[in-house]
Amino acid sequence: MTEDEKVDIREVQSAKLRKAKGSIVVRATNAIRAAGLKDGSFRFDPYAVEEIGMVPAIGTEERIDGRTDPLASSIRFEGDGSVMMLTVPREVLEALEIDPDDIDWDNPPELNVWAGDRLIAFERPDERTVQVDRGEDSKD
């Protein structure tokens, strides 16, 4: 994929942040599959959040971990191998305005996860307000 190549993405899932072996992870099985990868890594671009409102991550079949590249995460498998997750680098959380040191693990933040060809992206869900007519009769 070249830098200027456009990739269509769609919202695939929502996922809560989790703690696993001292790291912050997100279970993103559906998004990783939608990106067309069964194994490999993703490299995050936290600086893109200012331009596009989400943090994209480009996928590769090569396994790269955070020790080699702090903005990369290899796909990790859980249980019988059917659940795929990624470690979320500190810079990604901070770009999404999540303080990694102040997460309430009883109610962890949720992320919307988008996917396209060899690409996933994370965003914080917007708070939405809805006006509801409760059907109360007005007394005019």
N, C-alpha and C. Protein backbone atom coordinates (compact mmCIF):
# COMPACT_ATOMS: atom_id res chain seq x y z
N MET A 1 0.85 -1.17 0.00
CA MET A 1 0.00 0.00 0.00
C MET A 1 0.89 1.23 0.00
N THR A 2 0.65 2.13 -0.89
CA THR A 2 1.44 3.36 -0.93
C THR A 2 0.82 4.38 -0.01
N GLU A 3 1.59 5.41 0.30
CA GLU A 3 1.13 6.44 1.22
C GLU A 3 -0.12 7.16 0.72
N ASP A 4 -0.25 7.32 -0.59
CA ASP A 4 -1.37 8.06 -1.15
C ASP A 4 -2.57 7.18 -1.51
N GLU A 5 -2.45 5.88 -1.33
CA GLU A 5 -3.54 4.98 -1.68
C GLU A 5 -4.71 5.16 -0.72
N LYS A 6 -5.90 5.24 -1.29
CA LYS A 6 -7.11 5.39 -0.48
C LYS A 6 -7.68 4.02 -0.19
N VAL A 7 -8.17 3.86 1.05
CA VAL A 7 -8.77 2.60 1.47
C VAL A 7 -10.14 2.91 2.03
N ASP A 8 -11.15 2.23 1.53
CA ASP A 8 -12.49 2.37 2.09
C ASP A 8 -12.55 1.59 3.39
N ILE A 9 -13.12 2.21 4.42
CA ILE A 9 -13.26 1.52 5.70
C ILE A 9 -14.71 1.59 6.14
N ARG A 10 -15.07 0.66 7.02
CA ARG A 10 -16.41 0.66 7.58
C ARG A 10 -16.30 0.30 9.06
N GLU A 11 -17.25 0.77 9.83
CA GLU A 11 -17.26 0.45 11.25
C GLU A 11 -17.62 -1.02 11.41
N VAL A 12 -16.80 -1.76 12.14
CA VAL A 12 -16.97 -3.19 12.26
C VAL A 12 -17.44 -3.61 13.66
N GLN A 13 -16.90 -2.97 14.68
CA GLN A 13 -17.21 -3.41 16.03
C GLN A 13 -16.89 -2.32 17.04
N SER A 14 -17.35 -2.53 18.25
CA SER A 14 -16.94 -1.75 19.41
C SER A 14 -16.21 -2.71 20.32
N ALA A 15 -15.21 -2.21 21.02
CA ALA A 15 -14.43 -3.08 21.90
C ALA A 15 -13.94 -2.29 23.10
N LYS A 16 -14.06 -2.92 24.27
CA LYS A 16 -13.56 -2.30 25.49
C LYS A 16 -12.08 -2.59 25.65
N LEU A 17 -11.37 -1.62 26.22
CA LEU A 17 -9.97 -1.84 26.55
C LEU A 17 -9.91 -2.86 27.69
N ARG A 18 -8.85 -3.66 27.69
CA ARG A 18 -8.66 -4.68 28.72
C ARG A 18 -7.20 -4.67 29.15
N LYS A 19 -6.96 -5.23 30.31
CA LYS A 19 -5.60 -5.41 30.80
C LYS A 19 -5.20 -6.86 30.59
N ALA A 20 -4.01 -7.09 30.05
CA ALA A 20 -3.52 -8.46 29.85
C ALA A 20 -2.00 -8.47 30.00
N LYS A 21 -1.54 -9.17 31.00
CA LYS A 21 -0.09 -9.33 31.22
C LYS A 21 0.64 -8.00 31.21
N GLY A 22 0.12 -7.02 31.94
CA GLY A 22 0.79 -5.73 32.07
C GLY A 22 0.62 -4.79 30.89
N SER A 23 -0.14 -5.19 29.89
CA SER A 23 -0.38 -4.34 28.71
C SER A 23 -1.85 -3.98 28.63
N ILE A 24 -2.14 -2.95 27.87
CA ILE A 24 -3.53 -2.61 27.56
C ILE A 24 -3.81 -3.15 26.18
N VAL A 25 -4.86 -3.96 26.07
CA VAL A 25 -5.18 -4.62 24.81
C VAL A 25 -6.63 -4.34 24.43
N VAL A 26 -6.91 -4.63 23.16
CA VAL A 26 -8.28 -4.57 22.66
C VAL A 26 -8.51 -5.84 21.84
N ARG A 27 -9.62 -6.51 22.15
CA ARG A 27 -10.01 -7.68 21.36
C ARG A 27 -10.68 -7.16 20.10
N ALA A 28 -10.07 -7.43 18.95
CA ALA A 28 -10.55 -6.86 17.69
C ALA A 28 -10.64 -7.92 16.61
N THR A 29 -11.12 -9.08 16.96
CA THR A 29 -11.18 -10.21 16.04
C THR A 29 -11.91 -9.86 14.74
N ASN A 30 -13.10 -9.29 14.85
CA ASN A 30 -13.89 -8.98 13.65
C ASN A 30 -13.18 -7.97 12.76
N ALA A 31 -12.58 -6.95 13.37
CA ALA A 31 -11.90 -5.92 12.58
C ALA A 31 -10.65 -6.47 11.92
N ILE A 32 -9.89 -7.28 12.64
CA ILE A 32 -8.67 -7.85 12.06
C ILE A 32 -9.03 -8.76 10.88
N ARG A 33 -10.08 -9.55 11.04
CA ARG A 33 -10.52 -10.40 9.93
C ARG A 33 -11.00 -9.55 8.76
N ALA A 34 -11.75 -8.48 9.06
CA ALA A 34 -12.25 -7.60 7.99
C ALA A 34 -11.10 -6.91 7.26
N ALA A 35 -9.96 -6.73 7.95
CA ALA A 35 -8.78 -6.13 7.32
C ALA A 35 -8.04 -7.15 6.46
N GLY A 36 -8.45 -8.42 6.53
CA GLY A 36 -7.87 -9.45 5.68
C GLY A 36 -6.63 -10.12 6.23
N LEU A 37 -6.38 -9.98 7.53
CA LEU A 37 -5.20 -10.62 8.11
C LEU A 37 -5.61 -11.75 9.05
N LYS A 38 -4.82 -12.81 9.03
CA LYS A 38 -5.01 -13.92 9.96
C LYS A 38 -3.89 -13.96 10.98
N ASP A 39 -2.79 -13.32 10.65
CA ASP A 39 -1.63 -13.23 11.52
C ASP A 39 -0.81 -12.04 11.03
N GLY A 40 0.10 -11.56 11.84
CA GLY A 40 0.93 -10.44 11.44
C GLY A 40 0.90 -9.34 12.48
N SER A 41 0.98 -8.11 12.00
CA SER A 41 1.09 -6.95 12.90
C SER A 41 0.35 -5.75 12.31
N PHE A 42 0.15 -4.78 13.18
CA PHE A 42 -0.37 -3.48 12.77
C PHE A 42 0.55 -2.41 13.31
N ARG A 43 0.79 -1.37 12.51
CA ARG A 43 1.57 -0.22 12.95
C ARG A 43 0.63 0.97 13.01
N PHE A 44 0.53 1.56 14.20
CA PHE A 44 -0.38 2.67 14.48
C PHE A 44 0.22 4.01 14.08
N ASP A 45 -0.64 4.94 13.71
CA ASP A 45 -0.24 6.32 13.43
C ASP A 45 -1.07 7.25 14.31
N PRO A 46 -0.65 7.45 15.58
CA PRO A 46 -1.44 8.26 16.50
C PRO A 46 -1.53 9.73 16.09
N TYR A 47 -0.60 10.19 15.27
CA TYR A 47 -0.59 11.60 14.87
C TYR A 47 -1.67 11.92 13.85
N ALA A 48 -2.24 10.90 13.22
CA ALA A 48 -3.29 11.12 12.22
C ALA A 48 -4.61 11.52 12.86
N VAL A 49 -4.75 11.35 14.17
CA VAL A 49 -6.01 11.66 14.84
C VAL A 49 -6.41 13.12 14.65
N GLU A 50 -5.43 14.01 14.59
CA GLU A 50 -5.73 15.43 14.40
C GLU A 50 -6.37 15.71 13.05
N GLU A 51 -5.97 14.94 12.04
CA GLU A 51 -6.48 15.15 10.68
C GLU A 51 -7.76 14.38 10.39
N ILE A 52 -7.84 13.14 10.86
CA ILE A 52 -8.98 12.30 10.47
C ILE A 52 -9.89 11.91 11.64
N GLY A 53 -9.52 12.27 12.87
CA GLY A 53 -10.38 12.00 14.02
C GLY A 53 -10.32 10.57 14.53
N MET A 54 -9.42 9.78 14.01
CA MET A 54 -9.24 8.41 14.49
C MET A 54 -7.78 8.03 14.31
N VAL A 55 -7.39 6.93 14.95
CA VAL A 55 -6.01 6.44 14.85
C VAL A 55 -6.00 5.22 13.94
N PRO A 56 -5.40 5.36 12.75
CA PRO A 56 -5.31 4.22 11.84
C PRO A 56 -4.12 3.34 12.19
N ALA A 57 -4.20 2.09 11.75
CA ALA A 57 -3.09 1.16 11.90
C ALA A 57 -3.03 0.32 10.63
N ILE A 58 -1.87 0.33 10.00
CA ILE A 58 -1.67 -0.41 8.76
C ILE A 58 -1.16 -1.81 9.08
N GLY A 59 -1.80 -2.81 8.47
CA GLY A 59 -1.47 -4.20 8.73
C GLY A 59 -0.44 -4.76 7.77
N THR A 60 0.32 -5.72 8.29
CA THR A 60 1.31 -6.44 7.49
C THR A 60 1.33 -7.89 7.98
N GLU A 61 1.74 -8.78 7.13
CA GLU A 61 1.85 -10.19 7.52
C GLU A 61 3.11 -10.45 8.33
N GLU A 62 4.00 -9.46 8.36
CA GLU A 62 5.22 -9.57 9.16
C GLU A 62 4.88 -9.36 10.64
N ARG A 63 5.51 -10.13 11.52
CA ARG A 63 5.27 -9.98 12.95
C ARG A 63 6.27 -8.97 13.53
N ILE A 64 5.74 -7.84 13.99
CA ILE A 64 6.54 -6.78 14.59
C ILE A 64 5.92 -6.49 15.95
N ASP A 65 6.73 -6.42 16.97
CA ASP A 65 6.16 -6.13 18.28
C ASP A 65 6.66 -4.79 18.80
N GLY A 66 6.14 -4.40 19.94
CA GLY A 66 6.44 -3.11 20.54
C GLY A 66 7.87 -2.92 20.97
N ARG A 67 8.62 -4.00 21.13
CA ARG A 67 10.04 -3.85 21.49
C ARG A 67 10.84 -3.37 20.29
N THR A 68 10.47 -3.84 19.11
CA THR A 68 11.15 -3.44 17.88
C THR A 68 10.67 -2.07 17.41
N ASP A 69 9.37 -1.85 17.48
CA ASP A 69 8.75 -0.60 17.05
C ASP A 69 7.66 -0.27 18.06
N PRO A 70 7.84 0.78 18.87
CA PRO A 70 6.86 1.08 19.93
C PRO A 70 5.46 1.40 19.43
N LEU A 71 5.28 1.67 18.15
CA LEU A 71 3.96 1.95 17.61
C LEU A 71 3.37 0.76 16.86
N ALA A 72 3.99 -0.41 17.01
CA ALA A 72 3.51 -1.62 16.35
C ALA A 72 3.03 -2.64 17.37
N SER A 73 2.12 -3.49 16.93
CA SER A 73 1.62 -4.57 17.76
C SER A 73 1.36 -5.79 16.91
N SER A 74 1.93 -6.92 17.31
CA SER A 74 1.63 -8.18 16.65
C SER A 74 0.25 -8.64 17.10
N ILE A 75 -0.43 -9.34 16.22
CA ILE A 75 -1.72 -9.92 16.58
C ILE A 75 -1.46 -11.01 17.61
N ARG A 76 -2.18 -10.93 18.73
CA ARG A 76 -2.08 -11.94 19.78
C ARG A 76 -3.35 -12.77 19.76
N PHE A 77 -3.20 -14.03 20.11
CA PHE A 77 -4.33 -14.95 20.10
C PHE A 77 -4.65 -15.36 21.53
N GLU A 78 -5.95 -15.50 21.80
CA GLU A 78 -6.40 -15.83 23.15
C GLU A 78 -7.25 -17.09 23.10
N GLY A 79 -7.22 -17.83 24.19
CA GLY A 79 -8.04 -19.03 24.29
C GLY A 79 -7.63 -20.06 23.26
N ASP A 80 -8.58 -20.54 22.50
CA ASP A 80 -8.31 -21.57 21.49
C ASP A 80 -7.75 -20.98 20.20
N GLY A 81 -7.41 -19.70 20.24
CA GLY A 81 -6.85 -19.04 19.06
C GLY A 81 -7.87 -18.33 18.20
N SER A 82 -9.14 -18.40 18.60
CA SER A 82 -10.19 -17.78 17.78
C SER A 82 -10.38 -16.30 18.12
N VAL A 83 -9.83 -15.85 19.23
CA VAL A 83 -9.94 -14.44 19.62
C VAL A 83 -8.61 -13.76 19.33
N MET A 84 -8.67 -12.67 18.55
CA MET A 84 -7.46 -11.92 18.20
C MET A 84 -7.49 -10.57 18.89
N MET A 85 -6.33 -10.18 19.40
CA MET A 85 -6.25 -8.89 20.08
C MET A 85 -4.93 -8.21 19.76
N LEU A 86 -4.92 -6.91 20.03
CA LEU A 86 -3.74 -6.10 19.80
C LEU A 86 -3.41 -5.33 21.07
N THR A 87 -2.13 -5.18 21.34
CA THR A 87 -1.70 -4.28 22.40
C THR A 87 -1.85 -2.87 21.86
N VAL A 88 -2.40 -1.99 22.69
CA VAL A 88 -2.61 -0.60 22.27
C VAL A 88 -1.51 0.25 22.89
N PRO A 89 -0.62 0.80 22.06
CA PRO A 89 0.47 1.62 22.59
C PRO A 89 -0.03 2.85 23.34
N ARG A 90 0.74 3.28 24.30
CA ARG A 90 0.44 4.46 25.12
C ARG A 90 0.13 5.67 24.25
N GLU A 91 0.91 5.88 23.19
CA GLU A 91 0.71 7.03 22.31
C GLU A 91 -0.66 7.01 21.64
N VAL A 92 -1.16 5.83 21.34
CA VAL A 92 -2.48 5.70 20.73
C VAL A 92 -3.55 6.11 21.73
N LEU A 93 -3.44 5.61 22.95
CA LEU A 93 -4.41 5.97 23.99
C LEU A 93 -4.40 7.47 24.24
N GLU A 94 -3.22 8.04 24.35
CA GLU A 94 -3.12 9.48 24.58
C GLU A 94 -3.70 10.28 23.42
N ALA A 95 -3.48 9.83 22.18
CA ALA A 95 -4.05 10.52 21.02
C ALA A 95 -5.57 10.48 21.05
N LEU A 96 -6.12 9.41 21.65
CA LEU A 96 -7.58 9.27 21.78
C LEU A 96 -8.10 9.89 23.07
N GLU A 97 -7.22 10.65 23.73
CA GLU A 97 -7.54 11.35 24.97
C GLU A 97 -7.95 10.39 26.09
N ILE A 98 -7.24 9.27 26.17
CA ILE A 98 -7.41 8.31 27.25
C ILE A 98 -6.10 8.29 28.03
N ASP A 99 -6.17 8.58 29.32
CA ASP A 99 -4.98 8.54 30.17
C ASP A 99 -4.75 7.10 30.59
N PRO A 100 -3.69 6.45 30.10
CA PRO A 100 -3.46 5.04 30.41
C PRO A 100 -3.28 4.78 31.90
N ASP A 101 -2.85 5.80 32.65
CA ASP A 101 -2.63 5.63 34.09
C ASP A 101 -3.88 5.89 34.91
N ASP A 102 -4.96 6.29 34.25
CA ASP A 102 -6.18 6.66 34.99
C ASP A 102 -7.41 5.92 34.47
N ILE A 103 -7.23 4.71 33.96
CA ILE A 103 -8.37 3.94 33.44
C ILE A 103 -9.08 3.26 34.61
N ASP A 104 -10.38 3.40 34.64
CA ASP A 104 -11.22 2.70 35.61
C ASP A 104 -11.49 1.31 35.05
N TRP A 105 -10.80 0.30 35.55
CA TRP A 105 -10.90 -1.04 34.99
C TRP A 105 -12.22 -1.72 35.31
N ASP A 106 -13.01 -1.13 36.22
CA ASP A 106 -14.36 -1.65 36.45
C ASP A 106 -15.32 -1.18 35.36
N ASN A 107 -14.93 -0.10 34.69
CA ASN A 107 -15.73 0.46 33.59
C ASN A 107 -14.77 1.04 32.54
N PRO A 108 -14.04 0.17 31.83
CA PRO A 108 -13.02 0.66 30.90
C PRO A 108 -13.62 1.34 29.67
N PRO A 109 -12.84 2.24 29.06
CA PRO A 109 -13.32 2.91 27.85
C PRO A 109 -13.55 1.93 26.71
N GLU A 110 -14.48 2.30 25.86
CA GLU A 110 -14.81 1.50 24.68
C GLU A 110 -14.35 2.27 23.45
N LEU A 111 -13.91 1.55 22.44
CA LEU A 111 -13.48 2.15 21.18
C LEU A 111 -14.32 1.60 20.05
N ASN A 112 -14.61 2.44 19.08
CA ASN A 112 -15.19 1.97 17.82
C ASN A 112 -14.02 1.54 16.95
N VAL A 113 -14.16 0.39 16.31
CA VAL A 113 -13.09 -0.13 15.48
C VAL A 113 -13.59 -0.25 14.05
N TRP A 114 -12.87 0.40 13.14
CA TRP A 114 -13.18 0.43 11.72
C TRP A 114 -12.18 -0.47 11.01
N ALA A 115 -12.52 -0.96 9.82
CA ALA A 115 -11.59 -1.80 9.07
C ALA A 115 -11.77 -1.63 7.58
N GLY A 116 -10.68 -1.85 6.88
CA GLY A 116 -10.64 -1.87 5.42
C GLY A 116 -9.50 -2.79 5.02
N ASP A 117 -9.13 -2.81 3.77
CA ASP A 117 -8.07 -3.69 3.28
C ASP A 117 -6.75 -3.38 3.99
N ARG A 118 -6.31 -4.31 4.86
CA ARG A 118 -5.06 -4.20 5.61
C ARG A 118 -4.98 -2.94 6.47
N LEU A 119 -6.12 -2.51 6.95
CA LEU A 119 -6.16 -1.29 7.77
C LEU A 119 -7.25 -1.42 8.81
N ILE A 120 -6.93 -1.02 10.03
CA ILE A 120 -7.96 -0.83 11.05
C ILE A 120 -7.78 0.57 11.61
N ALA A 121 -8.80 1.08 12.25
CA ALA A 121 -8.72 2.42 12.84
C ALA A 121 -9.58 2.43 14.10
N PHE A 122 -9.11 3.19 15.08
CA PHE A 122 -9.80 3.30 16.36
C PHE A 122 -10.28 4.73 16.57
N GLU A 123 -11.47 4.85 17.15
CA GLU A 123 -11.98 6.16 17.54
C GLU A 123 -12.77 6.00 18.82
N ARG A 124 -12.89 7.11 19.56
CA ARG A 124 -13.74 7.12 20.74
C ARG A 124 -15.17 7.29 20.28
N PRO A 125 -16.11 6.56 20.88
CA PRO A 125 -17.52 6.76 20.51
C PRO A 125 -17.96 8.16 20.90
N ASP A 126 -18.77 8.76 20.05
CA ASP A 126 -19.34 10.07 20.37
C ASP A 126 -20.47 9.88 21.35
N GLU A 127 -20.59 10.83 22.25
CA GLU A 127 -21.78 10.83 23.09
C GLU A 127 -22.91 11.36 22.24
N ARG A 128 -23.99 10.64 22.23
CA ARG A 128 -25.11 11.04 21.40
C ARG A 128 -26.29 11.37 22.28
N THR A 129 -26.99 12.41 21.90
CA THR A 129 -28.20 12.76 22.63
C THR A 129 -29.38 12.55 21.70
N VAL A 130 -30.45 12.09 22.28
CA VAL A 130 -31.64 11.80 21.51
C VAL A 130 -32.81 12.50 22.19
N GLN A 131 -33.61 13.16 21.41
CA GLN A 131 -34.81 13.78 21.96
C GLN A 131 -35.95 12.79 21.80
N VAL A 132 -36.61 12.50 22.91
CA VAL A 132 -37.66 11.49 22.91
C VAL A 132 -38.97 12.13 23.32
N ASP A 133 -40.00 11.89 22.53
CA ASP A 133 -41.35 12.33 22.89
C ASP A 133 -41.95 11.21 23.68
N ARG A 134 -42.16 11.44 24.96
CA ARG A 134 -42.66 10.40 25.83
C ARG A 134 -44.19 10.25 25.75
N GLY A 135 -44.81 11.00 24.86
CA GLY A 135 -46.25 10.84 24.65
C GLY A 135 -47.10 11.47 25.74
N GLU A 136 -46.52 12.32 26.55
CA GLU A 136 -47.29 12.96 27.60
C GLU A 136 -48.22 14.00 26.97
N ASP A 137 -49.44 14.01 27.44
CA ASP A 137 -50.40 15.00 26.95
C ASP A 137 -50.05 16.35 27.53
N SER A 138 -50.02 17.34 26.68
CA SER A 138 -49.78 18.69 27.19
C SER A 138 -51.13 19.32 27.54
N LYS A 139 -51.11 20.09 28.59
CA LYS A 139 -52.34 20.76 29.02
C LYS A 139 -52.26 22.20 28.57
N ASP A 140 -52.90 22.48 27.45
CA ASP A 140 -52.90 23.85 26.89
C ASP A 140 -54.16 24.55 27.29
